[in-house]
Protein backbone atom coordinates (compact mmCIF):
# COMPACT_ATOMS: atom_id res chain seq x y z
CA MET A 1 -11.64 -15.47 135.01
CA ALA A 2 -12.79 -11.90 134.39
CA GLU A 3 -16.03 -12.52 136.30
CA ALA A 4 -13.94 -13.80 139.20
CA GLY A 5 -12.09 -10.47 139.26
CA ARG A 6 -8.76 -11.79 137.98
CA VAL A 7 -6.53 -9.37 136.10
CA GLU A 8 -5.05 -11.80 133.56
CA PRO A 9 -7.86 -11.48 130.97
CA VAL A 10 -7.61 -7.69 130.99
CA VAL A 11 -3.82 -7.72 130.64
CA MET A 12 -3.84 -10.31 127.87
CA THR A 13 -6.63 -8.61 125.93
CA SER A 14 -4.88 -5.24 126.26
CA PHE A 15 -1.63 -6.75 124.99
CA ILE A 16 -3.34 -8.35 121.99
CA ALA A 17 -5.18 -5.10 121.21
CA GLY A 18 -1.90 -3.19 121.36
CA VAL A 19 -0.16 -5.59 118.98
CA LEU A 20 -3.10 -5.46 116.54
CA PHE A 21 -3.06 -1.65 116.74
CA ILE A 22 0.64 -1.52 115.84
CA TRP A 23 0.11 -4.01 113.02
CA GLY A 24 -2.75 -1.81 111.78
CA ILE A 25 -0.48 1.23 111.70
CA PHE A 26 1.99 -0.73 109.58
CA ALA A 27 -0.84 -1.86 107.28
CA LEU A 28 -1.94 1.76 106.82
CA SER A 29 1.66 2.73 106.12
CA GLY A 30 1.96 -0.03 103.53
CA ALA A 31 -1.25 1.17 101.88
CA GLY A 32 0.15 4.70 101.67
CA VAL A 33 -2.39 6.20 104.08
CA THR A 34 0.27 7.28 106.58
CA ARG A 35 3.95 8.06 106.24
CA ARG A 36 6.30 5.21 105.39
CA LEU A 37 7.52 3.46 108.53
CA PRO A 38 10.97 1.92 108.94
CA LEU A 39 11.26 -1.83 108.23
CA LEU A 40 7.83 -1.70 106.60
CA LYS A 41 8.27 -4.61 104.20
CA THR A 42 9.92 -6.79 106.85
CA VAL A 43 7.19 -6.14 109.42
CA ILE A 44 4.38 -6.69 106.90
CA PHE A 45 6.01 -9.97 105.81
CA LEU A 46 6.45 -11.18 109.41
CA VAL A 47 2.89 -10.24 110.35
CA ALA A 48 1.56 -12.13 107.31
CA ILE A 49 3.62 -15.21 108.21
CA MET A 50 2.49 -15.13 111.86
CA LEU A 51 -1.19 -14.74 111.01
CA ILE A 52 -1.17 -17.40 108.29
CA GLY A 53 0.76 -19.70 110.61
CA ARG A 54 -1.78 -19.19 113.41
CA GLY A 55 -4.62 -19.83 111.01
CA ILE A 56 -3.13 -23.07 109.73
CA ALA A 57 -1.69 -24.38 113.01
CA PHE A 58 -4.90 -24.39 115.03
CA PRO A 59 -5.13 -28.23 115.15
CA VAL A 60 -1.75 -28.29 116.88
CA ILE A 61 -2.61 -25.42 119.26
CA MET A 62 -6.12 -26.65 120.21
CA PRO A 63 -5.01 -29.22 122.82
CA MET A 64 -3.15 -26.50 124.75
CA PHE A 65 -6.45 -24.65 125.34
CA PRO A 66 -9.10 -27.34 125.88
CA SER A 67 -11.71 -24.91 127.21
CA ASN A 68 -12.06 -23.16 123.83
CA SER A 69 -14.85 -24.44 121.60
CA LEU A 70 -14.42 -25.77 118.09
CA THR A 71 -16.43 -22.78 116.87
CA PHE A 72 -13.89 -20.43 118.48
CA TRP A 73 -11.01 -22.24 116.76
CA LEU A 74 -12.67 -22.28 113.35
CA VAL A 75 -13.76 -18.63 113.42
CA SER A 76 -10.53 -17.24 114.90
CA SER A 77 -8.39 -19.34 112.53
CA ALA A 78 -10.41 -18.20 109.52
CA LEU A 79 -10.01 -14.57 110.62
CA CYS A 80 -6.27 -15.03 111.09
CA LEU A 81 -5.98 -16.59 107.64
CA LEU A 82 -7.99 -13.76 106.09
CA MET A 83 -5.86 -11.09 107.80
CA GLY A 84 -2.64 -12.92 106.94
CA VAL A 85 -3.53 -13.20 103.28
CA SER A 86 -4.51 -9.52 103.30
CA TYR A 87 -1.10 -8.58 104.69
CA ALA A 88 0.64 -10.85 102.19
């Protein structure tokens, strides 16, 4: 889609990068590197649940995106599980 000049990949990637950036700020706050943010424990808990859920639920999500390879699903799910456990 990006090679065809469509804007959707850029918008989606930018959105995901923004969410991961915010989650990273909360992780740094939880580690004591930056000042304590409001709702820190709640956000860290929710991020952990979302990432672990994404990592575990890939067999259910796979049929919705048939163009993604099995390698993509295994690697991205493993990364989500690793990040989720790190947040937990």
